[in-house]
Amino acid sequence: MMSEGMMKHKNLFLGLLGGLMLFSACRPVALPTPVSTIAPAPTVTEISPEPTSTPAAPPSPPPSPATLEASPAATTMQSACPALQTGPQETILQQGSLLFEEVGTPAKLWAFTAGHQSPNTVFSFEGGFASLDSEGRRVAFMELREEKALAIYDLQTGEKSLWPWAEEWKAVSRWTRDGRVKLWVSYERQGSIGETSVFALFDPSNGTVITVKEELDLPGYTFESNNPWGGYVSLNGAGNLAVYTAWAISGALEFEVILRDISKGTDLWRYAGGKPFAGPAAWSPDDSKVAFALVSESENHTRIVSLTSDGRNLSELTHFPPTDLVDILSWSLDGKYLLVSLFEGPQGGPSFVLNTLTGEIREVCDPKVTFYRARWVSVAGRNLLVYLVYRQDETGELRLLDVDSWQAEVLSTVNIPYQIDMLGWTPVEFP
């Protein structure tokens, strides 16, 4: 898995761990010769007005935080590593393709298609920051081969459209659910004050661009400005709720966890002071709850807890022996499973899959490799985890895990480069 600093960098520019939707399979689509078309420059540029600040009502005392009782007996831990399939057999991926970007010069887009034993190179390009749309049919990326441009590639037809790259655009972030491309313009963070992001939303259907300024006001949010990793902000999908988890060193350790309705400027739940350390938070796909880690020195373990979006119910999902940092929390697309990855050094640490319905937890392990990073996909209702592992000789493997059956297979045994991004699943199949 990625180190903390690397993860924040990738989140800033790529939005790597965004969810994919479930789609029905389509017939295999032969990949035609790519056609490059130069699209006209964007015809309309609209600058959205900055959000107006409404006078905040006098703060009311925040709700009393729900308390956690002493931890129960350790959650059921299944010690067996995933059964790793070897040799010719029926593959876990039954339809469609898994897409990956190999970052380099040139960059490459790979496809692992159902029924194939090796990846296909869909196309190569000079640039980067590739992102797959929510339908799994178009890829957006920065193209540098001729003139700097925003490129949109249709996986079914092989057609590529190029749009002039605006000077203020820094990188492609991701596709929005309504089919627009989000591009980062600027980001600023001030300790104990807030965060401001400016981004452009590009609509490929008509070439229009809307510039949006997103401001998160963090009054009373305690973290030190000279410690960039001292606080995390996690927005829900609707963008109206935020969980702040922060820590600061000011003579003694102080910790805060705040669930805030940012549309109203009110706190729904708040914890401040005391011993627990709070790590990054992750919202469930339906925004009904948010998970985060609490490390308790007095109880000598790390709790993974879930808080409902109204701030009324706090529950423990599981707990581990104490660790310095929970690096990644990631929900499966149906909200049934939670991937918990611990940080123990530059090459990652142990990772676990928690069944939030039964409390069962299993380690994604292998005695010969180190788990590095992963992405959830859903195909025909099955929860699949695509993950990258490294050996001590610095070679690697891409693997696919069917979480429900706890069966895994090796997608590729070739030497995997360090810079490889997992874009997601597409219903398109490549010969």
Foldseek 3Di string as FASTA:
>chain_A
DADQVVVVVCCVFAVFFDAADEDAFDPAFAADAEAEDEDEAQDAEAEDDADDDDDADPADDADAFDDDDQDDPFFAEDEDAFAADDDDDQDPDAFFWWWKWADDVWIWIWIQGHPDQAIDTSDTARFDNWAAANQRFKIWFFGPPPHTFIWIAGRRHNYIYTYHDDPQFDTFHYADNVGWTKTWRDWDDDAQFWIKTWIWTAHVVRSYIYIDIDIDGRHPQDEDRVDVQFKEWDAAPVRQWIWIWGWYCDPHIKTKIFIARRVNGHTQHMDIGDAWHWAYKAAALVNQKIWIWTAHPVSQKIWIWIAGNNSPDIDTLGIGGGADHFNDWHAANVRQWIKTFGADDRQGGWIWIAGSVRSYIYTNDDPFWGWHDWYWAAYPNWTKIWTKIAGPVGFIWIKIARVVVSHMYTSDRGGRDPDMRTNYTHSHGYD
